[in-house]
Amino acid sequence: MTALGAEHDRDRVAGLAAETQRRFGRFVREWVDPGAEARDRTGEPLPRAVLEEAGRAGLTGFSLPPEVGGQGRDKFEWGIVLEEVARLSRDPGLLSLIDVGAGVVELLVATGRRDLVERYAIPIAAGTYVCPPAAYEGRDPFEYATIAREEAGGWRLDGGKPFIGGALLADAFLVYARDEASGDILSFLSGA
């Protein structure tokens, strides 16, 4: 990286940090921080209203494409915003939930299926629907023990996911499983 490039990035980061404080600082102070220490002690999830307010503030859709109601900002900017909100906040749970939600939205948009975008991606981007990925099985993340079997009229999933971030708030889950026939990794919307 040239000195000019580093200076540009430094200016860009400083501008994004200032934008984050201006746009999301009040939201963090008024919505996220109250009760954060108690939630940490008790294991209670964030109140659903916090996620919904994050959507109204534009945080949940910051890095997502305009076709789902997002702002279309790039991953560099999203990373800086996440870092800055984490610095401002006493509760990391919201950022984890929003970031994995953004990943689910991106996957749904990439399918090209308008029905999935309208039913799931747009509400996730707005902060009104929670659909965390159910991937972790306590082992190698690419050696899924959860099996998917095609049966008459659909698929049967057999297995377990012992840890799903955001599960207590979830409306549905994006479940990863290994296709018994092909060995491919598939994803399914479950509980939707």
C-alpha atoms as a PDB file:
ATOM      1  CA  MET A   1       0.000   0.000   0.000  1.00  0.00           C
ATOM      2  CA  THR A   2       1.312   3.427  -0.852  1.00  0.00           C
ATOM      3  CA  ALA A   3       1.439   6.253   1.664  1.00  0.00           C
ATOM      4  CA  LEU A   4      -1.330   7.983  -0.331  1.00  0.00           C
ATOM      5  CA  GLY A   5      -3.506   4.852  -0.139  1.00  0.00           C
ATOM      6  CA  ALA A   6      -2.919   4.537   3.593  1.00  0.00           C
ATOM      7  CA  GLU A   7      -3.857   8.191   4.099  1.00  0.00           C
ATOM      8  CA  HIS A   8      -7.045   7.700   2.072  1.00  0.00           C
ATOM      9  CA  ASP A   9      -7.980   4.634   4.140  1.00  0.00           C
ATOM     10  CA  ARG A  10      -7.237   6.496   7.379  1.00  0.00           C
ATOM     11  CA  ASP A  11      -9.496   9.342   6.268  1.00  0.00           C
ATOM     12  CA  ARG A  12     -12.182   6.892   5.185  1.00  0.00           C
ATOM     13  CA  VAL A  13     -12.069   5.078   8.534  1.00  0.00           C
ATOM     14  CA  ALA A  14     -12.230   8.350  10.455  1.00  0.00           C
ATOM     15  CA  GLY A  15     -15.202   9.468   8.356  1.00  0.00           C
ATOM     16  CA  LEU A  16     -17.011   6.174   8.919  1.00  0.00           C
ATOM     17  CA  ALA A  17     -16.313   6.287  12.653  1.00  0.00           C
ATOM     18  CA  ALA A  18     -17.800   9.786  12.817  1.00  0.00           C
ATOM     19  CA  GLU A  19     -20.798   8.705  10.701  1.00  0.00           C
ATOM     20  CA  THR A  20     -21.342   5.680  12.958  1.00  0.00           C
ATOM     21  CA  GLN A  21     -21.279   7.792  16.101  1.00  0.00           C
ATOM     22  CA  ARG A  22     -23.660  10.327  14.542  1.00  0.00           C
ATOM     23  CA  ARG A  23     -26.111   7.763  13.106  1.00  0.00           C
ATOM     24  CA  PHE A  24     -25.990   4.991  15.681  1.00  0.00           C
ATOM     25  CA  GLY A  25     -24.511   6.397  18.907  1.00  0.00           C
ATOM     26  CA  ARG A  26     -27.842   7.524  20.336  1.00  0.00           C
ATOM     27  CA  PHE A  27     -29.432   4.189  19.364  1.00  0.00           C
ATOM     28  CA  VAL A  28     -26.681   2.318  21.241  1.00  0.00           C
ATOM     29  CA  ARG A  29     -26.974   4.522  24.331  1.00  0.00           C
ATOM     30  CA  GLU A  30     -30.782   4.444  24.474  1.00  0.00           C
ATOM     31  CA  TRP A  31     -31.601   0.950  23.198  1.00  0.00           C
ATOM     32  CA  VAL A  32     -28.628  -1.412  23.451  1.00  0.00           C
ATOM     33  CA  ASP A  33     -26.771  -0.373  26.597  1.00  0.00           C
ATOM     34  CA  PRO A  34     -29.691  -0.257  29.062  1.00  0.00           C
ATOM     35  CA  GLY A  35     -29.843  -3.676  30.684  1.00  0.00           C
ATOM     36  CA  ALA A  36     -26.683  -4.954  28.962  1.00  0.00           C
ATOM     37  CA  GLU A  37     -24.909  -5.905  32.188  1.00  0.00           C
ATOM     38  CA  ALA A  38     -28.002  -7.671  33.550  1.00  0.00           C
ATOM     39  CA  ARG A  39     -28.445  -9.572  30.270  1.00  0.00           C
ATOM     40  CA  ASP A  40     -24.819 -10.628  30.453  1.00  0.00           C
ATOM     41  CA  ARG A  41     -25.287 -11.965  33.993  1.00  0.00           C
ATOM     42  CA  THR A  42     -28.597 -13.749  33.345  1.00  0.00           C
ATOM     43  CA  GLY A  43     -28.121 -14.923  29.762  1.00  0.00           C
ATOM     44  CA  GLU A  44     -31.297 -13.150  28.660  1.00  0.00           C
ATOM     45  CA  PRO A  45     -31.385 -12.260  24.971  1.00  0.00           C
ATOM     46  CA  LEU A  46     -31.695  -8.750  23.663  1.00  0.00           C
ATOM     47  CA  PRO A  47     -35.280  -7.576  23.638  1.00  0.00           C
ATOM     48  CA  ARG A  48     -36.825  -7.987  20.201  1.00  0.00           C
ATOM     49  CA  ALA A  49     -37.579  -4.261  20.175  1.00  0.00           C
ATOM     50  CA  VAL A  50     -33.830  -3.517  20.094  1.00  0.00           C
ATOM     51  CA  LEU A  51     -33.415  -5.392  16.813  1.00  0.00           C
ATOM     52  CA  GLU A  52     -36.488  -3.671  15.376  1.00  0.00           C
ATOM     53  CA  GLU A  53     -35.111  -0.267  16.379  1.00  0.00           C
ATOM     54  CA  ALA A  54     -31.760  -1.205  14.807  1.00  0.00           C
ATOM     55  CA  GLY A  55     -33.705  -1.739  11.588  1.00  0.00           C
ATOM     56  CA  ARG A  56     -35.413   1.648  11.859  1.00  0.00           C
ATOM     57  CA  ALA A  57     -32.035   3.274  12.530  1.00  0.00           C
ATOM     58  CA  GLY A  58     -30.621   1.694   9.336  1.00  0.00           C
ATOM     59  CA  LEU A  59     -28.095  -0.540  11.093  1.00  0.00           C
ATOM     60  CA  THR A  60     -29.503  -3.932  10.052  1.00  0.00           C
ATOM     61  CA  GLY A  61     -29.539  -2.984   6.376  1.00  0.00           C
ATOM     62  CA  PHE A  62     -26.325  -0.966   6.260  1.00  0.00           C
ATOM     63  CA  SER A  63     -24.319  -3.412   4.128  1.00  0.00           C
ATOM     64  CA  LEU A  64     -27.233  -5.027   2.325  1.00  0.00           C
ATOM     65  CA  PRO A  65     -28.342  -4.354  -1.246  1.00  0.00           C
ATOM     66  CA  PRO A  66     -30.994  -1.723  -2.000  1.00  0.00           C
ATOM     67  CA  GLU A  67     -33.369  -4.357  -3.437  1.00  0.00           C
ATOM     68  CA  VAL A  68     -33.956  -5.622   0.113  1.00  0.00           C
ATOM     69  CA  GLY A  69     -34.161  -2.140   1.628  1.00  0.00           C
ATOM     70  CA  GLY A  70     -30.476  -1.907   2.456  1.00  0.00           C
ATOM     71  CA  GLN A  71     -28.039   0.896   1.845  1.00  0.00           C
ATOM     72  CA  GLY A  72     -25.652  -1.075  -0.345  1.00  0.00           C
ATOM     73  CA  ARG A  73     -22.545  -0.047   1.562  1.00  0.00           C
ATOM     74  CA  ASP A  74     -19.418  -2.148   0.990  1.00  0.00           C
ATOM     75  CA  LYS A  75     -17.824  -4.720   3.299  1.00  0.00           C
ATOM     76  CA  PHE A  76     -14.982  -2.415   4.289  1.00  0.00           C
ATOM     77  CA  GLU A  77     -17.483   0.163   5.505  1.00  0.00           C
ATOM     78  CA  TRP A  78     -19.574  -2.524   7.219  1.00  0.00           C
ATOM     79  CA  GLY A  79     -16.509  -3.779   9.080  1.00  0.00           C
ATOM     80  CA  ILE A  80     -15.701  -0.294  10.328  1.00  0.00           C
ATOM     81  CA  VAL A  81     -19.314   0.276  11.407  1.00  0.00           C
ATOM     82  CA  LEU A  82     -19.367  -3.044  13.288  1.00  0.00           C
ATOM     83  CA  GLU A  83     -16.083  -2.202  14.983  1.00  0.00           C
ATOM     84  CA  GLU A  84     -17.229   1.286  15.927  1.00  0.00           C
ATOM     85  CA  VAL A  85     -20.633   0.162  17.249  1.00  0.00           C
ATOM     86  CA  ALA A  86     -18.831  -2.539  19.256  1.00  0.00           C
ATOM     87  CA  ARG A  87     -16.603   0.155  20.718  1.00  0.00           C
ATOM     88  CA  LEU A  88     -19.651   2.250  21.657  1.00  0.00           C
ATOM     89  CA  SER A  89     -21.768  -0.609  22.998  1.00  0.00           C
ATOM     90  CA  ARG A  90     -21.805  -2.644  26.182  1.00  0.00           C
ATOM     91  CA  ASP A  91     -23.571  -5.591  24.520  1.00  0.00           C
ATOM     92  CA  PRO A  92     -21.918  -7.507  21.636  1.00  0.00           C
ATOM     93  CA  GLY A  93     -24.992  -9.676  21.103  1.00  0.00           C
ATOM     94  CA  LEU A  94     -26.718  -7.233  18.780  1.00  0.00           C
ATOM     95  CA  LEU A  95     -23.785  -6.969  16.390  1.00  0.00           C
ATOM     96  CA  SER A  96     -23.396 -10.722  16.190  1.00  0.00           C
ATOM     97  CA  LEU A  97     -27.091 -11.143  15.451  1.00  0.00           C
ATOM     98  CA  ILE A  98     -27.111  -8.389  12.824  1.00  0.00           C
ATOM     99  CA  ASP A  99     -23.944  -9.599  11.107  1.00  0.00           C
ATOM    100  CA  VAL A 100     -25.075 -13.221  10.797  1.00  0.00           C
ATOM    101  CA  GLY A 101     -28.472 -11.947   9.648  1.00  0.00           C
ATOM    102  CA  ALA A 102     -26.738  -9.969   6.908  1.00  0.00           C
ATOM    103  CA  GLY A 103     -24.989 -13.157   5.795  1.00  0.00           C
ATOM    104  CA  VAL A 104     -28.312 -14.992   5.603  1.00  0.00           C
ATOM    105  CA  VAL A 105     -29.825 -12.146   3.561  1.00  0.00           C
ATOM    106  CA  GLU A 106     -26.896 -12.230   1.127  1.00  0.00           C
ATOM    107  CA  LEU A 107     -27.329 -15.981   0.670  1.00  0.00           C
ATOM    108  CA  LEU A 108     -31.066 -15.619   0.064  1.00  0.00           C
ATOM    109  CA  VAL A 109     -30.521 -12.810  -2.458  1.00  0.00           C
ATOM    110  CA  ALA A 110     -27.896 -14.944  -4.241  1.00  0.00           C
ATOM    111  CA  THR A 111     -30.473 -17.700  -4.820  1.00  0.00           C
ATOM    112  CA  GLY A 112     -32.304 -15.374  -7.222  1.00  0.00           C
ATOM    113  CA  ARG A 113     -35.606 -16.549  -5.758  1.00  0.00           C
ATOM    114  CA  ARG A 114     -37.888 -13.560  -5.361  1.00  0.00           C
ATOM    115  CA  ASP A 115     -40.195 -15.516  -3.023  1.00  0.00           C
ATOM    116  CA  LEU A 116     -37.343 -16.050  -0.544  1.00  0.00           C
ATOM    117  CA  VAL A 117     -36.216 -12.444  -0.819  1.00  0.00           C
ATOM    118  CA  GLU A 118     -39.699 -11.094  -0.163  1.00  0.00           C
ATOM    119  CA  ARG A 119     -40.643 -13.527   2.600  1.00  0.00           C
ATOM    120  CA  TYR A 120     -37.338 -13.606   4.491  1.00  0.00           C
ATOM    121  CA  ALA A 121     -34.560 -11.316   3.237  1.00  0.00           C
ATOM    122  CA  ILE A 122     -36.495  -8.044   3.273  1.00  0.00           C
ATOM    123  CA  PRO A 123     -37.843  -8.544   6.824  1.00  0.00           C
ATOM    124  CA  ILE A 124     -34.406  -9.636   8.090  1.00  0.00           C
ATOM    125  CA  ALA A 125     -32.857  -6.519   6.538  1.00  0.00           C
ATOM    126  CA  ALA A 126     -35.540  -4.418   8.250  1.00  0.00           C
ATOM    127  CA  GLY A 127     -34.855  -5.975  11.661  1.00  0.00           C
ATOM    128  CA  THR A 128     -38.351  -7.457  11.934  1.00  0.00           C
ATOM    129  CA  TYR A 129     -37.458 -11.127  11.325  1.00  0.00           C
ATOM    130  CA  VAL A 130     -34.679 -13.238  12.822  1.00  0.00           C
ATOM    131  CA  CYS A 131     -33.248 -16.205  10.930  1.00  0.00           C
ATOM    132  CA  PRO A 132     -29.821 -17.209  12.223  1.00  0.00           C
ATOM    133  CA  PRO A 133     -27.743 -19.910  10.563  1.00  0.00           C
ATOM    134  CA  ALA A 134     -27.810 -23.300  12.254  1.00  0.00           C
ATOM    135  CA  ALA A 135     -24.444 -24.676  11.279  1.00  0.00           C
ATOM    136  CA  TYR A 136     -22.292 -25.370  14.321  1.00  0.00           C
ATOM    137  CA  GLU A 137     -22.203 -28.947  15.572  1.00  0.00           C
ATOM    138  CA  GLY A 138     -19.285 -28.748  17.987  1.00  0.00           C
ATOM    139  CA  ARG A 139     -16.878 -30.291  15.511  1.00  0.00           C
ATOM    140  CA  ASP A 140     -15.172 -29.557  12.186  1.00  0.00           C
ATOM    141  CA  PRO A 141     -17.484 -26.963  10.610  1.00  0.00           C
ATOM    142  CA  PHE A 142     -17.367 -28.631   7.187  1.00  0.00           C
ATOM    143  CA  GLU A 143     -17.997 -32.182   8.354  1.00  0.00           C
ATOM    144  CA  TYR A 144     -21.694 -31.943   9.104  1.00  0.00           C
ATOM    145  CA  ALA A 145     -23.231 -34.859  10.951  1.00  0.00           C
ATOM    146  CA  THR A 146     -26.720 -33.497  10.279  1.00  0.00           C
ATOM    147  CA  ILE A 147     -28.075 -35.464   7.321  1.00  0.00           C
ATOM    148  CA  ALA A 148     -30.669 -34.404   4.742  1.00  0.00           C
ATOM    149  CA  ARG A 149     -32.707 -37.144   3.074  1.00  0.00           C
ATOM    150  CA  GLU A 150     -35.046 -36.456   0.187  1.00  0.00           C
ATOM    151  CA  GLU A 151     -38.424 -38.004   0.861  1.00  0.00           C
ATOM    152  CA  ALA A 152     -41.792 -37.848  -0.839  1.00  0.00           C
ATOM    153  CA  GLY A 153     -42.893 -34.227  -0.760  1.00  0.00           C
ATOM    154  CA  GLY A 154     -39.735 -32.748   0.739  1.00  0.00           C
ATOM    155  CA  TRP A 155     -36.683 -33.338   2.863  1.00  0.00           C
ATOM    156  CA  ARG A 156     -36.074 -34.916   6.254  1.00  0.00           C
ATOM    157  CA  LEU A 157     -33.287 -33.521   8.424  1.00  0.00           C
ATOM    158  CA  ASP A 158     -31.680 -35.719  11.079  1.00  0.00           C
ATOM    159  CA  GLY A 159     -29.172 -34.236  13.481  1.00  0.00           C
ATOM    160  CA  GLY A 160     -28.656 -31.539  16.047  1.00  0.00           C
ATOM    161  CA  LYS A 161     -27.175 -28.078  16.351  1.00  0.00           C
ATOM    162  CA  PRO A 162     -26.101 -27.459  19.965  1.00  0.00           C
ATOM    163  CA  PHE A 163     -25.336 -23.760  19.522  1.00  0.00           C
ATOM    164  CA  ILE A 164     -27.258 -21.275  17.404  1.00  0.00           C
ATOM    165  CA  GLY A 165     -26.529 -17.618  18.078  1.00  0.00           C
ATOM    166  CA  GLY A 166     -29.823 -15.753  18.258  1.00  0.00           C
ATOM    167  CA  ALA A 167     -31.928 -18.895  18.703  1.00  0.00           C
ATOM    168  CA  LEU A 168     -34.008 -17.386  21.510  1.00  0.00           C
ATOM    169  CA  LEU A 169     -35.217 -14.640  19.147  1.00  0.00           C
ATOM    170  CA  ALA A 170     -35.452 -16.726  15.973  1.00  0.00           C
ATOM    171  CA  ASP A 171     -38.488 -16.861  13.729  1.00  0.00           C
ATOM    172  CA  ALA A 172     -36.768 -19.475  11.552  1.00  0.00           C
ATOM    173  CA  PHE A 173     -33.339 -21.032  11.033  1.00  0.00           C
ATOM    174  CA  LEU A 174     -31.111 -21.493   8.019  1.00  0.00           C
ATOM    175  CA  VAL A 175     -30.041 -25.092   8.675  1.00  0.00           C
ATOM    176  CA  TYR A 176     -26.987 -26.633   7.038  1.00  0.00           C
ATOM    177  CA  ALA A 177     -26.944 -30.385   6.449  1.00  0.00           C
ATOM    178  CA  ARG A 178     -25.149 -32.964   4.322  1.00  0.00           C
ATOM    179  CA  ASP A 179     -27.175 -34.537   1.514  1.00  0.00           C
ATOM    180  CA  GLU A 180     -27.106 -38.251   2.263  1.00  0.00           C
ATOM    181  CA  ALA A 181     -27.154 -39.172  -1.436  1.00  0.00           C
ATOM    182  CA  SER A 182     -24.583 -36.751  -2.902  1.00  0.00           C
ATOM    183  CA  GLY A 183     -22.565 -35.649   0.113  1.00  0.00           C
ATOM    184  CA  ASP A 184     -23.176 -32.004  -0.832  1.00  0.00           C
ATOM    185  CA  ILE A 185     -23.823 -29.386   1.844  1.00  0.00           C
ATOM    186  CA  LEU A 186     -27.352 -28.023   1.530  1.00  0.00           C
ATOM    187  CA  SER A 187     -29.186 -25.287   3.372  1.00  0.00           C
ATOM    188  CA  PHE A 188     -32.818 -25.327   4.445  1.00  0.00           C
ATOM    189  CA  LEU A 189     -35.140 -22.750   5.941  1.00  0.00           C
ATOM    190  CA  SER A 190     -36.638 -24.490   8.943  1.00  0.00           C
ATOM    191  CA  GLY A 191     -39.395 -23.382  11.266  1.00  0.00           C
ATOM    192  CA  ALA A 192     -40.460 -20.764   8.799  1.00  0.00           C
END
